[in-house]
């Protein structure tokens, strides 16, 4: 099978996470990796030096040398970026990692027949533990799917959904890690009020979160796990009741809805 050369337009954290994962994986179907970035040439140079990827500030000149193009730029620049790409793309698989930019959006701005895909990784891609959702456009074939899954596997687990589901669930898989980190920050602050150092608080909270996630990964139902810890009338029950009285579950639903709405607005800007 022919090796797939990949061009990244954008050299931010997510782009770095993906190609670092690909390089670590050393999959035989992946060839050269080219990284482009206009806004931060120093970062681009440092990444090229660290990973051995080819760097460029003129990505249009590289499109003819690759089979896959990954758009790792903010949602707000995609309209203009896709117009530029439409001038040079010629059958390459085009993938975006931008919130709100679905296959229909890309297909309308690229030449007819261009295979496109939208993937939504999360921050854990940096440690190959992402839970990514993705959706393919109408022109994606089995070969495209293969290389797409190689890319997704390099950063963690993945699940194919409909475009609307990816829109709706971006808040759960993509943004919710930030909700979790905020929760952990609050627990650290609460722990330090009892005299432990920040380092001790961090260790306590990190291992608690890791252990809890491990229990879930074993296949246990979260409600069952909560029940195991929450004895009726006990100390944990008092804490749970406080969270419920403050509308904890409703707050989470509202946060998911606000995230989805903002992602939609960004794509339309």
C-alpha atoms as a PDB file:
ATOM      1  CA  UNK A   1       0.000   0.000   0.000  1.00  0.00           C
ATOM      2  CA  UNK A   2       1.245   3.487  -0.849  1.00  0.00           C
ATOM      3  CA  UNK A   3       2.406   5.586   2.066  1.00  0.00           C
ATOM      4  CA  UNK A   4       0.231   8.576   2.930  1.00  0.00           C
ATOM      5  CA  UNK A   5       2.062  11.862   3.285  1.00  0.00           C
ATOM      6  CA  UNK A   6       0.239  14.309   5.559  1.00  0.00           C
ATOM      7  CA  UNK A   7       0.179  18.110   5.572  1.00  0.00           C
ATOM      8  CA  UNK A   8      -0.897  19.886   8.762  1.00  0.00           C
ATOM      9  CA  UNK A   9      -2.151  23.438   8.290  1.00  0.00           C
ATOM     10  CA  UNK A  10      -1.691  24.795  11.787  1.00  0.00           C
ATOM     11  CA  UNK A  11       0.891  23.802  14.379  1.00  0.00           C
ATOM     12  CA  UNK A  12      -0.994  24.170  17.652  1.00  0.00           C
ATOM     13  CA  UNK A  13      -1.295  21.643  20.474  1.00  0.00           C
ATOM     14  CA  UNK A  14      -3.780  19.396  18.705  1.00  0.00           C
ATOM     15  CA  UNK A  15      -1.744  19.216  15.510  1.00  0.00           C
ATOM     16  CA  UNK A  16       1.334  18.413  17.577  1.00  0.00           C
ATOM     17  CA  UNK A  17      -0.555  15.736  19.531  1.00  0.00           C
ATOM     18  CA  UNK A  18      -1.690  14.031  16.326  1.00  0.00           C
ATOM     19  CA  UNK A  19       1.605  13.946  14.489  1.00  0.00           C
ATOM     20  CA  UNK A  20       3.540  13.102  17.659  1.00  0.00           C
ATOM     21  CA  UNK A  21       1.186  10.141  18.079  1.00  0.00           C
ATOM     22  CA  UNK A  22       1.665   9.124  14.457  1.00  0.00           C
ATOM     23  CA  UNK A  23       5.441   9.297  14.750  1.00  0.00           C
ATOM     24  CA  UNK A  24       5.352   7.288  17.983  1.00  0.00           C
ATOM     25  CA  UNK A  25       3.127   4.705  16.328  1.00  0.00           C
ATOM     26  CA  UNK A  26       5.427   4.406  13.254  1.00  0.00           C
ATOM     27  CA  UNK A  27       2.616   2.973  11.137  1.00  0.00           C
ATOM     28  CA  UNK A  28       3.878   1.645   7.796  1.00  0.00           C
ATOM     29  CA  UNK A  29       1.110   3.421   5.867  1.00  0.00           C
ATOM     30  CA  UNK A  30       2.168   6.883   7.045  1.00  0.00           C
ATOM     31  CA  UNK A  31       4.899   8.673   5.109  1.00  0.00           C
ATOM     32  CA  UNK A  32       6.228  12.203   5.411  1.00  0.00           C
ATOM     33  CA  UNK A  33       4.671  14.737   7.759  1.00  0.00           C
ATOM     34  CA  UNK A  34       4.718  18.401   6.765  1.00  0.00           C
ATOM     35  CA  UNK A  35       3.685  21.119   9.209  1.00  0.00           C
ATOM     36  CA  UNK A  36       2.682  24.663   8.281  1.00  0.00           C
ATOM     37  CA  UNK A  37       2.072  27.644  10.533  1.00  0.00           C
ATOM     38  CA  UNK A  38       1.999  31.336   9.628  1.00  0.00           C
ATOM     39  CA  UNK A  39       1.532  32.982  13.008  1.00  0.00           C
ATOM     40  CA  UNK A  40       4.361  31.452  15.069  1.00  0.00           C
ATOM     41  CA  UNK A  41       7.442  30.543  13.043  1.00  0.00           C
ATOM     42  CA  UNK A  42       9.501  29.948  16.189  1.00  0.00           C
ATOM     43  CA  UNK A  43       7.077  27.258  17.362  1.00  0.00           C
ATOM     44  CA  UNK A  44       7.113  25.752  13.883  1.00  0.00           C
ATOM     45  CA  UNK A  45      10.919  25.634  13.872  1.00  0.00           C
ATOM     46  CA  UNK A  46      11.036  24.086  17.345  1.00  0.00           C
ATOM     47  CA  UNK A  47       8.539  21.382  16.401  1.00  0.00           C
ATOM     48  CA  UNK A  48      10.457  20.563  13.241  1.00  0.00           C
ATOM     49  CA  UNK A  49      13.643  20.229  15.265  1.00  0.00           C
ATOM     50  CA  UNK A  50      11.998  18.126  17.992  1.00  0.00           C
ATOM     51  CA  UNK A  51      10.041  15.722  15.781  1.00  0.00           C
ATOM     52  CA  UNK A  52      11.957  15.743  12.536  1.00  0.00           C
ATOM     53  CA  UNK A  53       8.944  16.874  10.504  1.00  0.00           C
ATOM     54  CA  UNK A  54       9.247  19.122   7.490  1.00  0.00           C
ATOM     55  CA  UNK A  55       8.280  22.730   8.165  1.00  0.00           C
ATOM     56  CA  UNK A  56       6.829  25.269   5.755  1.00  0.00           C
ATOM     57  CA  UNK A  57       5.141  28.668   5.815  1.00  0.00           C
ATOM     58  CA  UNK A  58       3.811  28.170   2.265  1.00  0.00           C
ATOM     59  CA  UNK A  59       1.409  25.271   2.595  1.00  0.00           C
ATOM     60  CA  UNK A  60      -0.142  25.708  -0.861  1.00  0.00           C
ATOM     61  CA  UNK A  61       3.131  24.648  -2.432  1.00  0.00           C
ATOM     62  CA  UNK A  62       3.017  21.344  -0.519  1.00  0.00           C
ATOM     63  CA  UNK A  63      -0.511  20.151  -1.282  1.00  0.00           C
ATOM     64  CA  UNK A  64       0.561  18.292  -4.411  1.00  0.00           C
ATOM     65  CA  UNK A  65       3.037  16.237  -2.375  1.00  0.00           C
ATOM     66  CA  UNK A  66       0.526  14.798   0.106  1.00  0.00           C
ATOM     67  CA  UNK A  67      -2.460  12.457   0.254  1.00  0.00           C
ATOM     68  CA  UNK A  68      -3.991  13.873   3.443  1.00  0.00           C
ATOM     69  CA  UNK A  69      -4.475  17.473   4.609  1.00  0.00           C
ATOM     70  CA  UNK A  70      -5.312  18.149   8.262  1.00  0.00           C
ATOM     71  CA  UNK A  71      -6.820  21.547   9.040  1.00  0.00           C
ATOM     72  CA  UNK A  72      -5.738  22.367  12.591  1.00  0.00           C
ATOM     73  CA  UNK A  73      -6.797  26.013  12.562  1.00  0.00           C
ATOM     74  CA  UNK A  74      -9.523  27.827  14.580  1.00  0.00           C
ATOM     75  CA  UNK A  75     -13.132  27.534  13.348  1.00  0.00           C
ATOM     76  CA  UNK A  76     -13.338  31.220  12.505  1.00  0.00           C
ATOM     77  CA  UNK A  77     -10.664  31.055   9.801  1.00  0.00           C
ATOM     78  CA  UNK A  78     -12.032  27.969   8.049  1.00  0.00           C
ATOM     79  CA  UNK A  79     -14.205  29.827   5.566  1.00  0.00           C
ATOM     80  CA  UNK A  80     -11.221  31.685   4.114  1.00  0.00           C
ATOM     81  CA  UNK A  81      -8.902  28.704   4.555  1.00  0.00           C
ATOM     82  CA  UNK A  82     -11.215  26.411   2.591  1.00  0.00           C
ATOM     83  CA  UNK A  83     -11.520  28.997  -0.196  1.00  0.00           C
ATOM     84  CA  UNK A  84      -7.728  28.997  -0.507  1.00  0.00           C
ATOM     85  CA  UNK A  85      -7.574  25.223  -0.307  1.00  0.00           C
ATOM     86  CA  UNK A  86     -10.227  24.902  -3.041  1.00  0.00           C
ATOM     87  CA  UNK A  87      -7.748  26.457  -5.475  1.00  0.00           C
ATOM     88  CA  UNK A  88      -5.166  23.690  -5.026  1.00  0.00           C
ATOM     89  CA  UNK A  89      -6.821  20.560  -3.612  1.00  0.00           C
ATOM     90  CA  UNK A  90      -7.028  17.646  -6.009  1.00  0.00           C
ATOM     91  CA  UNK A  91      -8.603  14.574  -4.444  1.00  0.00           C
ATOM     92  CA  UNK A  92      -6.697  14.600  -1.147  1.00  0.00           C
ATOM     93  CA  UNK A  93      -8.536  13.574   2.009  1.00  0.00           C
ATOM     94  CA  UNK A  94      -9.215  16.791   3.942  1.00  0.00           C
ATOM     95  CA  UNK A  95      -9.686  16.458   7.706  1.00  0.00           C
ATOM     96  CA  UNK A  96     -10.582  19.217  10.141  1.00  0.00           C
ATOM     97  CA  UNK A  97     -10.278  19.191  13.925  1.00  0.00           C
ATOM     98  CA  UNK A  98     -12.178  22.462  14.370  1.00  0.00           C
ATOM     99  CA  UNK A  99     -15.370  22.622  16.427  1.00  0.00           C
ATOM    100  CA  UNK A 100     -18.516  23.149  14.376  1.00  0.00           C
ATOM    101  CA  UNK A 101     -16.932  22.502  10.959  1.00  0.00           C
ATOM    102  CA  UNK A 102     -18.799  19.462   9.677  1.00  0.00           C
ATOM    103  CA  UNK A 103     -18.465  17.629   6.323  1.00  0.00           C
ATOM    104  CA  UNK A 104     -21.379  19.513   4.750  1.00  0.00           C
ATOM    105  CA  UNK A 105     -19.664  22.827   5.575  1.00  0.00           C
ATOM    106  CA  UNK A 106     -16.419  21.662   3.943  1.00  0.00           C
ATOM    107  CA  UNK A 107     -18.012  20.019   0.913  1.00  0.00           C
ATOM    108  CA  UNK A 108     -19.840  23.240   0.040  1.00  0.00           C
ATOM    109  CA  UNK A 109     -16.523  25.123  -0.072  1.00  0.00           C
ATOM    110  CA  UNK A 110     -14.305  22.541  -1.769  1.00  0.00           C
ATOM    111  CA  UNK A 111     -14.455  21.077  -5.296  1.00  0.00           C
ATOM    112  CA  UNK A 112     -17.160  18.467  -5.837  1.00  0.00           C
ATOM    113  CA  UNK A 113     -15.922  14.994  -5.028  1.00  0.00           C
ATOM    114  CA  UNK A 114     -13.386  16.057  -2.377  1.00  0.00           C
ATOM    115  CA  UNK A 115     -13.305  13.489   0.440  1.00  0.00           C
ATOM    116  CA  UNK A 116     -13.626  15.209   3.814  1.00  0.00           C
ATOM    117  CA  UNK A 117     -13.881  14.183   7.461  1.00  0.00           C
ATOM    118  CA  UNK A 118     -14.450  15.964  10.748  1.00  0.00           C
ATOM    119  CA  UNK A 119     -12.759  14.637  13.858  1.00  0.00           C
ATOM    120  CA  UNK A 120     -13.261  15.947  17.372  1.00  0.00           C
ATOM    121  CA  UNK A 121     -10.417  14.832  19.665  1.00  0.00           C
ATOM    122  CA  UNK A 122      -9.918  16.146  23.177  1.00  0.00           C
ATOM    123  CA  UNK A 123      -6.956  17.375  25.156  1.00  0.00           C
ATOM    124  CA  UNK A 124      -6.001  13.850  26.235  1.00  0.00           C
ATOM    125  CA  UNK A 125      -4.760  13.342  22.669  1.00  0.00           C
ATOM    126  CA  UNK A 126      -1.494  14.732  24.039  1.00  0.00           C
ATOM    127  CA  UNK A 127      -1.046  11.492  25.999  1.00  0.00           C
ATOM    128  CA  UNK A 128      -2.740   9.209  23.435  1.00  0.00           C
ATOM    129  CA  UNK A 129      -5.870   8.954  25.597  1.00  0.00           C
ATOM    130  CA  UNK A 130      -8.340  10.999  23.566  1.00  0.00           C
ATOM    131  CA  UNK A 131     -11.950   9.976  23.149  1.00  0.00           C
ATOM    132  CA  UNK A 132     -12.479  11.263  19.618  1.00  0.00           C
ATOM    133  CA  UNK A 133     -15.725  11.400  17.700  1.00  0.00           C
ATOM    134  CA  UNK A 134     -15.739  11.638  13.919  1.00  0.00           C
ATOM    135  CA  UNK A 135     -17.932  11.750  10.837  1.00  0.00           C
ATOM    136  CA  UNK A 136     -17.052  11.191   7.185  1.00  0.00           C
ATOM    137  CA  UNK A 137     -18.266  13.068   4.144  1.00  0.00           C
ATOM    138  CA  UNK A 138     -20.066  11.425   1.223  1.00  0.00           C
ATOM    139  CA  UNK A 139     -16.931  10.936  -0.902  1.00  0.00           C
ATOM    140  CA  UNK A 140     -14.825   9.092   1.683  1.00  0.00           C
ATOM    141  CA  UNK A 141     -13.933   5.574   0.517  1.00  0.00           C
ATOM    142  CA  UNK A 142     -12.465   2.552   2.302  1.00  0.00           C
ATOM    143  CA  UNK A 143      -8.866   3.669   1.739  1.00  0.00           C
ATOM    144  CA  UNK A 144      -9.635   7.083   3.193  1.00  0.00           C
ATOM    145  CA  UNK A 145     -11.310   5.434   6.175  1.00  0.00           C
ATOM    146  CA  UNK A 146      -8.245   3.301   6.771  1.00  0.00           C
ATOM    147  CA  UNK A 147      -5.847   6.234   6.991  1.00  0.00           C
ATOM    148  CA  UNK A 148      -8.380   8.211   9.033  1.00  0.00           C
ATOM    149  CA  UNK A 149      -8.564   5.398  11.590  1.00  0.00           C
ATOM    150  CA  UNK A 150      -4.751   5.166  11.666  1.00  0.00           C
ATOM    151  CA  UNK A 151      -4.682   8.863  12.581  1.00  0.00           C
ATOM    152  CA  UNK A 152      -7.395   8.481  15.213  1.00  0.00           C
ATOM    153  CA  UNK A 153      -5.780   5.385  16.728  1.00  0.00           C
ATOM    154  CA  UNK A 154      -2.536   7.344  17.174  1.00  0.00           C
ATOM    155  CA  UNK A 155      -4.241   9.590  19.738  1.00  0.00           C
ATOM    156  CA  UNK A 156      -6.591   7.200  21.563  1.00  0.00           C
ATOM    157  CA  UNK A 157     -10.084   5.746  21.195  1.00  0.00           C
ATOM    158  CA  UNK A 158     -12.641   6.866  18.624  1.00  0.00           C
ATOM    159  CA  UNK A 159     -16.295   6.484  17.678  1.00  0.00           C
ATOM    160  CA  UNK A 160     -18.049   7.270  14.388  1.00  0.00           C
ATOM    161  CA  UNK A 161     -21.274   9.251  14.781  1.00  0.00           C
ATOM    162  CA  UNK A 162     -23.617  11.309  12.647  1.00  0.00           C
ATOM    163  CA  UNK A 163     -22.682  14.936  12.005  1.00  0.00           C
ATOM    164  CA  UNK A 164     -25.457  16.149  14.317  1.00  0.00           C
ATOM    165  CA  UNK A 165     -24.291  13.825  17.076  1.00  0.00           C
ATOM    166  CA  UNK A 166     -20.730  15.126  16.781  1.00  0.00           C
ATOM    167  CA  UNK A 167     -22.111  18.669  17.040  1.00  0.00           C
ATOM    168  CA  UNK A 168     -24.193  17.760  20.083  1.00  0.00           C
ATOM    169  CA  UNK A 169     -21.594  15.612  21.856  1.00  0.00           C
ATOM    170  CA  UNK A 170     -18.544  17.829  21.365  1.00  0.00           C
ATOM    171  CA  UNK A 171     -19.325  19.309  24.756  1.00  0.00           C
ATOM    172  CA  UNK A 172     -19.250  15.854  26.353  1.00  0.00           C
ATOM    173  CA  UNK A 173     -16.095  14.445  24.766  1.00  0.00           C
ATOM    174  CA  UNK A 174     -14.228  17.569  23.691  1.00  0.00           C
ATOM    175  CA  UNK A 175     -15.009  20.275  26.244  1.00  0.00           C
ATOM    176  CA  UNK A 176     -15.988  18.277  29.315  1.00  0.00           C
ATOM    177  CA  UNK A 177     -12.322  17.623  30.225  1.00  0.00           C
ATOM    178  CA  UNK A 178     -12.203  21.334  31.071  1.00  0.00           C
ATOM    179  CA  UNK A 179     -15.233  20.836  33.339  1.00  0.00           C
ATOM    180  CA  UNK A 180     -13.373  17.956  34.999  1.00  0.00           C
ATOM    181  CA  UNK A 181     -10.236  20.049  35.429  1.00  0.00           C
ATOM    182  CA  UNK A 182     -12.277  22.831  37.035  1.00  0.00           C
ATOM    183  CA  UNK A 183     -13.788  20.290  39.425  1.00  0.00           C
ATOM    184  CA  UNK A 184     -10.285  19.045  40.297  1.00  0.00           C
ATOM    185  CA  UNK A 185      -9.080  22.613  40.846  1.00  0.00           C
ATOM    186  CA  UNK A 186     -11.931  23.179  43.278  1.00  0.00           C
ATOM    187  CA  UNK A 187     -11.103  19.949  45.144  1.00  0.00           C
ATOM    188  CA  UNK A 188      -7.447  20.970  45.387  1.00  0.00           C
ATOM    189  CA  UNK A 189      -8.448  24.325  46.860  1.00  0.00           C
ATOM    190  CA  UNK A 190     -10.777  22.615  49.338  1.00  0.00           C
ATOM    191  CA  UNK A 191      -8.012  20.175  50.354  1.00  0.00           C
ATOM    192  CA  UNK A 192      -5.511  22.960  50.993  1.00  0.00           C
ATOM    193  CA  UNK A 193      -7.929  24.572  53.429  1.00  0.00           C
ATOM    194  CA  UNK A 194      -7.157  21.612  55.713  1.00  0.00           C
ATOM    195  CA  UNK A 195      -3.453  22.322  55.866  1.00  0.00           C
ATOM    196  CA  UNK A 196      -1.926  20.195  53.116  1.00  0.00           C
ATOM    197  CA  UNK A 197       0.458  21.687  50.564  1.00  0.00           C
ATOM    198  CA  UNK A 198      -0.534  22.321  46.958  1.00  0.00           C
ATOM    199  CA  UNK A 199       1.674  19.391  45.907  1.00  0.00           C
ATOM    200  CA  UNK A 200      -0.039  17.091  48.393  1.00  0.00           C
ATOM    201  CA  UNK A 201      -3.475  18.294  47.324  1.00  0.00           C
ATOM    202  CA  UNK A 202      -2.567  17.691  43.680  1.00  0.00           C
ATOM    203  CA  UNK A 203      -1.429  14.142  44.402  1.00  0.00           C
ATOM    204  CA  UNK A 204      -4.582  13.364  46.383  1.00  0.00           C
ATOM    205  CA  UNK A 205      -6.914  14.706  43.698  1.00  0.00           C
ATOM    206  CA  UNK A 206      -5.067  13.288  40.695  1.00  0.00           C
ATOM    207  CA  UNK A 207      -4.979   9.759  42.083  1.00  0.00           C
ATOM    208  CA  UNK A 208      -8.614   9.998  43.165  1.00  0.00           C
ATOM    209  CA  UNK A 209      -9.593  11.021  39.609  1.00  0.00           C
ATOM    210  CA  UNK A 210      -7.392   8.374  37.998  1.00  0.00           C
ATOM    211  CA  UNK A 211      -8.718   5.631  40.265  1.00  0.00           C
ATOM    212  CA  UNK A 212     -12.312   6.666  39.664  1.00  0.00           C
ATOM    213  CA  UNK A 213     -11.761   6.646  35.892  1.00  0.00           C
ATOM    214  CA  UNK A 214     -10.138   3.202  36.149  1.00  0.00           C
ATOM    215  CA  UNK A 215     -13.237   1.853  37.885  1.00  0.00           C
ATOM    216  CA  UNK A 216     -15.411   3.196  35.081  1.00  0.00           C
ATOM    217  CA  UNK A 217     -13.099   1.695  32.465  1.00  0.00           C
ATOM    218  CA  UNK A 218     -13.598  -1.686  34.086  1.00  0.00           C
ATOM    219  CA  UNK A 219     -17.207  -1.426  32.939  1.00  0.00           C
ATOM    220  CA  UNK A 220     -18.924  -0.446  36.175  1.00  0.00           C
ATOM    221  CA  UNK A 221     -22.050   1.689  36.010  1.00  0.00           C
ATOM    222  CA  UNK A 222     -21.377   5.191  37.406  1.00  0.00           C
ATOM    223  CA  UNK A 223     -24.628   5.150  39.392  1.00  0.00           C
ATOM    224  CA  UNK A 224     -23.662   1.791  40.944  1.00  0.00           C
ATOM    225  CA  UNK A 225     -20.199   3.088  41.836  1.00  0.00           C
ATOM    226  CA  UNK A 226     -21.708   6.177  43.414  1.00  0.00           C
ATOM    227  CA  UNK A 227     -24.047   3.966  45.407  1.00  0.00           C
ATOM    228  CA  UNK A 228     -21.125   1.921  46.723  1.00  0.00           C
ATOM    229  CA  UNK A 229     -19.569   5.054  48.213  1.00  0.00           C
ATOM    230  CA  UNK A 230     -22.792   6.702  49.367  1.00  0.00           C
ATOM    231  CA  UNK A 231     -24.201   5.004  52.466  1.00  0.00           C
ATOM    232  CA  UNK A 232     -27.713   6.279  53.316  1.00  0.00           C
ATOM    233  CA  UNK A 233     -27.443   9.042  55.886  1.00  0.00           C
ATOM    234  CA  UNK A 234     -23.639   8.928  55.756  1.00  0.00           C
ATOM    235  CA  UNK A 235     -20.969  11.563  55.188  1.00  0.00           C
ATOM    236  CA  UNK A 236     -20.783  11.124  51.404  1.00  0.00           C
ATOM    237  CA  UNK A 237     -24.568  11.293  51.189  1.00  0.00           C
ATOM    238  CA  UNK A 238     -24.443  14.702  52.850  1.00  0.00           C
ATOM    239  CA  UNK A 239     -22.002  15.934  50.224  1.00  0.00           C
ATOM    240  CA  UNK A 240     -24.072  14.506  47.365  1.00  0.00           C
ATOM    241  CA  UNK A 241     -27.204  16.124  48.762  1.00  0.00           C
ATOM    242  CA  UNK A 242     -25.435  19.489  48.876  1.00  0.00           C
ATOM    243  CA  UNK A 243     -24.464  19.153  45.212  1.00  0.00           C
ATOM    244  CA  UNK A 244     -28.007  18.166  44.238  1.00  0.00           C
ATOM    245  CA  UNK A 245     -29.546  21.052  46.192  1.00  0.00           C
ATOM    246  CA  UNK A 246     -27.225  23.430  44.337  1.00  0.00           C
ATOM    247  CA  UNK A 247     -28.471  22.036  41.008  1.00  0.00           C
ATOM    248  CA  UNK A 248     -25.255  20.210  40.101  1.00  0.00           C
ATOM    249  CA  UNK A 249     -26.829  17.967  37.452  1.00  0.00           C
ATOM    250  CA  UNK A 250     -28.743  20.862  35.886  1.00  0.00           C
ATOM    251  CA  UNK A 251     -25.555  22.941  35.815  1.00  0.00           C
ATOM    252  CA  UNK A 252     -23.803  20.213  33.840  1.00  0.00           C
ATOM    253  CA  UNK A 253     -26.661  20.074  31.324  1.00  0.00           C
ATOM    254  CA  UNK A 254     -26.579  23.861  30.993  1.00  0.00           C
ATOM    255  CA  UNK A 255     -22.802  23.825  30.488  1.00  0.00           C
ATOM    256  CA  UNK A 256     -23.169  21.248  27.694  1.00  0.00           C
ATOM    257  CA  UNK A 257     -25.871  23.333  25.987  1.00  0.00           C
ATOM    258  CA  UNK A 258     -23.848  26.552  26.279  1.00  0.00           C
ATOM    259  CA  UNK A 259     -20.787  24.842  24.833  1.00  0.00           C
ATOM    260  CA  UNK A 260     -22.736  23.479  21.874  1.00  0.00           C
ATOM    261  CA  UNK A 261     -24.341  26.838  21.159  1.00  0.00           C
ATOM    262  CA  UNK A 262     -21.003  28.641  21.212  1.00  0.00           C
ATOM    263  CA  UNK A 263     -19.449  26.059  18.873  1.00  0.00           C
ATOM    264  CA  UNK A 264     -22.353  26.574  16.485  1.00  0.00           C
ATOM    265  CA  UNK A 265     -21.970  30.367  16.658  1.00  0.00           C
ATOM    266  CA  UNK A 266     -18.223  30.134  15.968  1.00  0.00           C
ATOM    267  CA  UNK A 267     -18.808  28.071  12.851  1.00  0.00           C
ATOM    268  CA  UNK A 268     -21.278  30.678  11.581  1.00  0.00           C
ATOM    269  CA  UNK A 269     -19.087  33.728  12.343  1.00  0.00           C
END
